[in-house]
Amino acid sequence: MLPHFTINKEMENGEFSGEKLNKTKSPIAIYIATHKNKWRSINLNTFIDYLNNYQKTNKKYTVPS
């Protein structure tokens, strides 16, 4: 997870993609960056699933795009 300002250039040129999470509880946007061809542990996959599900079920806290 990285603050948006640290990867802003990479996000703009398409090197990274990410998900924004709850802005009201965190003053810094959080992004997940993983290498698409690298193995991910079950723990990391579970964490990513949790964040994705949290965002889907808490739309009122999602930062608008």
PDB file of N, CA and C in Angstrom:
ATOM      1  N   MET A   1       0.855  -1.163   0.000  1.00  0.00           N
ATOM      2  CA  MET A   1       0.000   0.000   0.000  1.00  0.00           C
ATOM      3  C   MET A   1       0.897   1.221   0.000  1.00  0.00           C
ATOM      4  N   LEU A   2       0.544   2.170  -0.851  1.00  0.00           N
ATOM      5  CA  LEU A   2       1.347   3.376  -1.009  1.00  0.00           C
ATOM      6  C   LEU A   2       0.467   4.613  -1.020  1.00  0.00           C
ATOM      7  N   PRO A   3       0.957   5.721  -0.464  1.00  0.00           N
ATOM      8  CA  PRO A   3       0.220   6.978  -0.606  1.00  0.00           C
ATOM      9  C   PRO A   3       0.208   7.402  -2.071  1.00  0.00           C
ATOM     10  N   HIS A   4      -0.890   8.009  -2.497  1.00  0.00           N
ATOM     11  CA  HIS A   4      -1.048   8.402  -3.896  1.00  0.00           C
ATOM     12  C   HIS A   4       0.091   9.301  -4.368  1.00  0.00           C
ATOM     13  N   PHE A   5       0.519  10.259  -3.538  1.00  0.00           N
ATOM     14  CA  PHE A   5       1.538  11.205  -3.987  1.00  0.00           C
ATOM     15  C   PHE A   5       2.870  10.522  -4.320  1.00  0.00           C
ATOM     16  N   THR A   6       3.109   9.321  -3.784  1.00  0.00           N
ATOM     17  CA  THR A   6       4.370   8.640  -4.078  1.00  0.00           C
ATOM     18  C   THR A   6       4.357   7.926  -5.421  1.00  0.00           C
ATOM     19  N   ILE A   7       3.169   7.665  -5.965  1.00  0.00           N
ATOM     20  CA  ILE A   7       3.074   6.951  -7.244  1.00  0.00           C
ATOM     21  C   ILE A   7       2.214   7.695  -8.262  1.00  0.00           C
ATOM     22  N   ASN A   8       1.987   8.978  -8.028  1.00  0.00           N
ATOM     23  CA  ASN A   8       1.118   9.767  -8.900  1.00  0.00           C
ATOM     24  C   ASN A   8       1.569   9.700 -10.362  1.00  0.00           C
ATOM     25  N   LYS A   9       2.859   9.898 -10.622  1.00  0.00           N
ATOM     26  CA  LYS A   9       3.367   9.869 -11.998  1.00  0.00           C
ATOM     27  C   LYS A   9       3.118   8.506 -12.641  1.00  0.00           C
ATOM     28  N   GLU A  10       3.388   7.435 -11.909  1.00  0.00           N
ATOM     29  CA  GLU A  10       3.197   6.080 -12.431  1.00  0.00           C
ATOM     30  C   GLU A  10       1.721   5.786 -12.693  1.00  0.00           C
ATOM     31  N   MET A  11       0.851   6.310 -11.847  1.00  0.00           N
ATOM     32  CA  MET A  11      -0.589   6.122 -12.061  1.00  0.00           C
ATOM     33  C   MET A  11      -1.036   6.842 -13.332  1.00  0.00           C
ATOM     34  N   GLU A  12      -0.541   8.055 -13.523  1.00  0.00           N
ATOM     35  CA  GLU A  12      -0.934   8.839 -14.696  1.00  0.00           C
ATOM     36  C   GLU A  12      -0.460   8.218 -16.001  1.00  0.00           C
ATOM     37  N   ASN A  13       0.752   7.627 -16.011  1.00  0.00           N
ATOM     38  CA  ASN A  13       1.254   7.057 -17.268  1.00  0.00           C
ATOM     39  C   ASN A  13       0.913   5.574 -17.426  1.00  0.00           C
ATOM     40  N   GLY A  14       0.126   5.021 -16.506  1.00  0.00           N
ATOM     41  CA  GLY A  14      -0.377   3.668 -16.659  1.00  0.00           C
ATOM     42  C   GLY A  14       0.543   2.560 -16.175  1.00  0.00           C
ATOM     43  N   GLU A  15       1.672   2.906 -15.557  1.00  0.00           N
ATOM     44  CA  GLU A  15       2.567   1.871 -15.023  1.00  0.00           C
ATOM     45  C   GLU A  15       1.924   1.141 -13.845  1.00  0.00           C
ATOM     46  N   PHE A  16       1.169   1.877 -13.030  1.00  0.00           N
ATOM     47  CA  PHE A  16       0.482   1.307 -11.878  1.00  0.00           C
ATOM     48  C   PHE A  16      -1.007   1.532 -12.031  1.00  0.00           C
ATOM     49  N   SER A  17      -1.779   0.620 -11.463  1.00  0.00           N
ATOM     50  CA  SER A  17      -3.206   0.851 -11.302  1.00  0.00           C
ATOM     51  C   SER A  17      -3.510   0.552  -9.847  1.00  0.00           C
ATOM     52  N   GLY A  18      -4.591   1.082  -9.351  1.00  0.00           N
ATOM     53  CA  GLY A  18      -4.858   0.869  -7.945  1.00  0.00           C
ATOM     54  C   GLY A  18      -6.298   1.094  -7.574  1.00  0.00           C
ATOM     55  N   GLU A  19      -6.562   0.911  -6.311  1.00  0.00           N
ATOM     56  CA  GLU A  19      -7.887   1.090  -5.737  1.00  0.00           C
ATOM     57  C   GLU A  19      -7.797   2.129  -4.631  1.00  0.00           C
ATOM     58  N   LYS A  20      -8.704   3.089  -4.641  1.00  0.00           N
ATOM     59  CA  LYS A  20      -8.774   4.064  -3.566  1.00  0.00           C
ATOM     60  C   LYS A  20      -9.670   3.503  -2.464  1.00  0.00           C
ATOM     61  N   LEU A  21      -9.280   3.750  -1.216  1.00  0.00           N
ATOM     62  CA  LEU A  21     -10.064   3.293  -0.079  1.00  0.00           C
ATOM     63  C   LEU A  21     -10.555   4.475   0.735  1.00  0.00           C
ATOM     64  N   ASN A  22     -11.303   4.208   1.732  1.00  0.00           N
ATOM     65  CA  ASN A  22     -11.948   5.115   2.675  1.00  0.00           C
ATOM     66  C   ASN A  22     -11.149   6.384   2.989  1.00  0.00           C
ATOM     67  N   LYS A  23     -11.550   7.495   2.396  1.00  0.00           N
ATOM     68  CA  LYS A  23     -10.869   8.770   2.634  1.00  0.00           C
ATOM     69  C   LYS A  23     -11.248   9.364   3.987  1.00  0.00           C
ATOM     70  N   THR A  24     -12.449   9.114   4.471  1.00  0.00           N
ATOM     71  CA  THR A  24     -12.888   9.728   5.721  1.00  0.00           C
ATOM     72  C   THR A  24     -12.141   9.176   6.932  1.00  0.00           C
ATOM     73  N   LYS A  25     -11.623   7.983   6.829  1.00  0.00           N
ATOM     74  CA  LYS A  25     -10.893   7.404   7.955  1.00  0.00           C
ATOM     75  C   LYS A  25      -9.384   7.449   7.758  1.00  0.00           C
ATOM     76  N   SER A  26      -8.933   7.792   6.576  1.00  0.00           N
ATOM     77  CA  SER A  26      -7.516   7.851   6.277  1.00  0.00           C
ATOM     78  C   SER A  26      -7.238   9.074   5.418  1.00  0.00           C
ATOM     79  N   PRO A  27      -6.376   9.977   5.871  1.00  0.00           N
ATOM     80  CA  PRO A  27      -6.126  11.191   5.100  1.00  0.00           C
ATOM     81  C   PRO A  27      -5.307  10.946   3.830  1.00  0.00           C
ATOM     82  N   ILE A  28      -4.743   9.763   3.689  1.00  0.00           N
ATOM     83  CA  ILE A  28      -3.923   9.434   2.523  1.00  0.00           C
ATOM     84  C   ILE A  28      -4.578   8.278   1.774  1.00  0.00           C
ATOM     85  N   ALA A  29      -4.704   8.418   0.447  1.00  0.00           N
ATOM     86  CA  ALA A  29      -5.256   7.321  -0.360  1.00  0.00           C
ATOM     87  C   ALA A  29      -4.306   6.128  -0.314  1.00  0.00           C
ATOM     88  N   ILE A  30      -4.853   4.928  -0.367  1.00  0.00           N
ATOM     89  CA  ILE A  30      -4.062   3.700  -0.306  1.00  0.00           C
ATOM     90  C   ILE A  30      -4.240   2.944  -1.613  1.00  0.00           C
ATOM     91  N   TYR A  31      -3.128   2.518  -2.213  1.00  0.00           N
ATOM     92  CA  TYR A  31      -3.144   1.757  -3.454  1.00  0.00           C
ATOM     93  C   TYR A  31      -2.427   0.429  -3.236  1.00  0.00           C
ATOM     94  N   ILE A  32      -2.850  -0.576  -3.962  1.00  0.00           N
ATOM     95  CA  ILE A  32      -2.201  -1.885  -3.920  1.00  0.00           C
ATOM     96  C   ILE A  32      -1.483  -2.081  -5.240  1.00  0.00           C
ATOM     97  N   ALA A  33      -0.201  -2.414  -5.176  1.00  0.00           N
ATOM     98  CA  ALA A  33       0.567  -2.667  -6.399  1.00  0.00           C
ATOM     99  C   ALA A  33       1.204  -4.048  -6.295  1.00  0.00           C
ATOM    100  N   THR A  34       0.905  -4.910  -7.248  1.00  0.00           N
ATOM    101  CA  THR A  34       1.535  -6.232  -7.296  1.00  0.00           C
ATOM    102  C   THR A  34       1.973  -6.504  -8.723  1.00  0.00           C
ATOM    103  N   HIS A  35       2.945  -7.355  -8.863  1.00  0.00           N
ATOM    104  CA  HIS A  35       3.425  -7.740 -10.189  1.00  0.00           C
ATOM    105  C   HIS A  35       2.520  -8.846 -10.715  1.00  0.00           C
ATOM    106  N   LYS A  36       1.980  -8.638 -11.920  1.00  0.00           N
ATOM    107  CA  LYS A  36       0.984  -9.582 -12.432  1.00  0.00           C
ATOM    108  C   LYS A  36       1.549 -10.975 -12.703  1.00  0.00           C
ATOM    109  N   ASN A  37       2.847 -11.116 -12.898  1.00  0.00           N
ATOM    110  CA  ASN A  37       3.442 -12.421 -13.205  1.00  0.00           C
ATOM    111  C   ASN A  37       4.175 -13.052 -12.018  1.00  0.00           C
ATOM    112  N   LYS A  38       4.017 -12.484 -10.852  1.00  0.00           N
ATOM    113  CA  LYS A  38       4.685 -13.020  -9.656  1.00  0.00           C
ATOM    114  C   LYS A  38       3.687 -13.752  -8.769  1.00  0.00           C
ATOM    115  N   TRP A  39       4.176 -14.761  -8.087  1.00  0.00           N
ATOM    116  CA  TRP A  39       3.365 -15.532  -7.156  1.00  0.00           C
ATOM    117  C   TRP A  39       2.943 -14.646  -5.993  1.00  0.00           C
ATOM    118  N   ARG A  40       1.687 -14.802  -5.549  1.00  0.00           N
ATOM    119  CA  ARG A  40       1.185 -14.092  -4.374  1.00  0.00           C
ATOM    120  C   ARG A  40       0.746 -15.114  -3.343  1.00  0.00           C
ATOM    121  N   SER A  41       1.095 -14.874  -2.110  1.00  0.00           N
ATOM    122  CA  SER A  41       0.727 -15.787  -1.030  1.00  0.00           C
ATOM    123  C   SER A  41      -0.770 -15.741  -0.779  1.00  0.00           C
ATOM    124  N   ILE A  42      -1.271 -16.771  -0.136  1.00  0.00           N
ATOM    125  CA  ILE A  42      -2.683 -16.812   0.241  1.00  0.00           C
ATOM    126  C   ILE A  42      -3.003 -15.648   1.173  1.00  0.00           C
ATOM    127  N   ASN A  43      -2.043 -15.261   2.004  1.00  0.00           N
ATOM    128  CA  ASN A  43      -2.258 -14.134   2.919  1.00  0.00           C
ATOM    129  C   ASN A  43      -2.440 -12.828   2.148  1.00  0.00           C
ATOM    130  N   LEU A  44      -1.603 -12.606   1.146  1.00  0.00           N
ATOM    131  CA  LEU A  44      -1.729 -11.392   0.350  1.00  0.00           C
ATOM    132  C   LEU A  44      -3.037 -11.401  -0.442  1.00  0.00           C
ATOM    133  N   ASN A  45      -3.382 -12.526  -1.041  1.00  0.00           N
ATOM    134  CA  ASN A  45      -4.643 -12.621  -1.782  1.00  0.00           C
ATOM    135  C   ASN A  45      -5.836 -12.364  -0.873  1.00  0.00           C
ATOM    136  N   THR A  46      -5.804 -12.887   0.336  1.00  0.00           N
ATOM    137  CA  THR A  46      -6.883 -12.671   1.295  1.00  0.00           C
ATOM    138  C   THR A  46      -6.979 -11.202   1.668  1.00  0.00           C
ATOM    139  N   PHE A  47      -5.842 -10.571   1.898  1.00  0.00           N
ATOM    140  CA  PHE A  47      -5.820  -9.147   2.230  1.00  0.00           C
ATOM    141  C   PHE A  47      -6.397  -8.313   1.079  1.00  0.00           C
ATOM    142  N   ILE A  48      -6.000  -8.594  -0.141  1.00  0.00           N
ATOM    143  CA  ILE A  48      -6.511  -7.872  -1.304  1.00  0.00           C
ATOM    144  C   ILE A  48      -8.015  -8.089  -1.446  1.00  0.00           C
ATOM    145  N   ASP A  49      -8.467  -9.325  -1.259  1.00  0.00           N
ATOM    146  CA  ASP A  49      -9.913  -9.611  -1.305  1.00  0.00           C
ATOM    147  C   ASP A  49     -10.662  -8.829  -0.228  1.00  0.00           C
ATOM    148  N   TYR A  50     -10.093  -8.779   0.958  1.00  0.00           N
ATOM    149  CA  TYR A  50     -10.707  -8.039   2.054  1.00  0.00           C
ATOM    150  C   TYR A  50     -10.863  -6.570   1.676  1.00  0.00           C
ATOM    151  N   LEU A  51      -9.803  -5.967   1.165  1.00  0.00           N
ATOM    152  CA  LEU A  51      -9.873  -4.555   0.797  1.00  0.00           C
ATOM    153  C   LEU A  51     -10.891  -4.312  -0.309  1.00  0.00           C
ATOM    154  N   ASN A  52     -10.910  -5.194  -1.300  1.00  0.00           N
ATOM    155  CA  ASN A  52     -11.885  -5.049  -2.389  1.00  0.00           C
ATOM    156  C   ASN A  52     -13.314  -5.191  -1.874  1.00  0.00           C
ATOM    157  N   ASN A  53     -13.557  -6.175  -1.014  1.00  0.00           N
ATOM    158  CA  ASN A  53     -14.897  -6.362  -0.443  1.00  0.00           C
ATOM    159  C   ASN A  53     -15.291  -5.200   0.454  1.00  0.00           C
ATOM    160  N   TYR A  54     -14.329  -4.690   1.209  1.00  0.00           N
ATOM    161  CA  TYR A  54     -14.603  -3.550   2.075  1.00  0.00           C
ATOM    162  C   TYR A  54     -15.053  -2.355   1.238  1.00  0.00           C
ATOM    163  N   GLN A  55     -14.344  -2.111   0.158  1.00  0.00           N
ATOM    164  CA  GLN A  55     -14.691  -0.987  -0.697  1.00  0.00           C
ATOM    165  C   GLN A  55     -16.081  -1.159  -1.300  1.00  0.00           C
ATOM    166  N   LYS A  56     -16.413  -2.369  -1.738  1.00  0.00           N
ATOM    167  CA  LYS A  56     -17.720  -2.622  -2.354  1.00  0.00           C
ATOM    168  C   LYS A  56     -18.866  -2.450  -1.363  1.00  0.00           C
ATOM    169  N   THR A  57     -18.642  -2.825  -0.105  1.00  0.00           N
ATOM    170  CA  THR A  57     -19.711  -2.766   0.891  1.00  0.00           C
ATOM    171  C   THR A  57     -19.762  -1.437   1.633  1.00  0.00           C
ATOM    172  N   ASN A  58     -18.791  -0.576   1.425  1.00  0.00           N
ATOM    173  CA  ASN A  58     -18.745   0.719   2.112  1.00  0.00           C
ATOM    174  C   ASN A  58     -18.650   1.859   1.104  1.00  0.00           C
ATOM    175  N   LYS A  59     -19.543   1.852   0.128  1.00  0.00           N
ATOM    176  CA  LYS A  59     -19.513   2.856  -0.939  1.00  0.00           C
ATOM    177  C   LYS A  59     -19.561   4.280  -0.410  1.00  0.00           C
ATOM    178  N   LYS A  60     -20.267   4.507   0.693  1.00  0.00           N
ATOM    179  CA  LYS A  60     -20.387   5.869   1.203  1.00  0.00           C
ATOM    180  C   LYS A  60     -19.047   6.432   1.646  1.00  0.00           C
ATOM    181  N   TYR A  61     -18.054   5.561   1.885  1.00  0.00           N
ATOM    182  CA  TYR A  61     -16.728   6.019   2.294  1.00  0.00           C
ATOM    183  C   TYR A  61     -15.718   6.031   1.158  1.00  0.00           C
ATOM    184  N   THR A  62     -16.121   5.584  -0.026  1.00  0.00           N
ATOM    185  CA  THR A  62     -15.200   5.495  -1.154  1.00  0.00           C
ATOM    186  C   THR A  62     -14.950   6.884  -1.740  1.00  0.00           C
ATOM    187  N   VAL A  63     -13.701   7.182  -2.014  1.00  0.00           N
ATOM    188  CA  VAL A  63     -13.334   8.445  -2.624  1.00  0.00           C
ATOM    189  C   VAL A  63     -13.829   8.477  -4.053  1.00  0.00           C
ATOM    190  N   PRO A  64     -14.559   9.511  -4.452  1.00  0.00           N
ATOM    191  CA  PRO A  64     -15.033   9.570  -5.841  1.00  0.00           C
ATOM    192  C   PRO A  64     -13.862   9.693  -6.820  1.00  0.00           C
ATOM    193  N   SER A  65     -14.009   9.090  -7.987  1.00  0.00           N
ATOM    194  CA  SER A  65     -12.951   9.151  -9.001  1.00  0.00           C
ATOM    195  C   SER A  65     -12.989  10.463  -9.733  1.00  0.00           C
TER     196      SER A  65
END
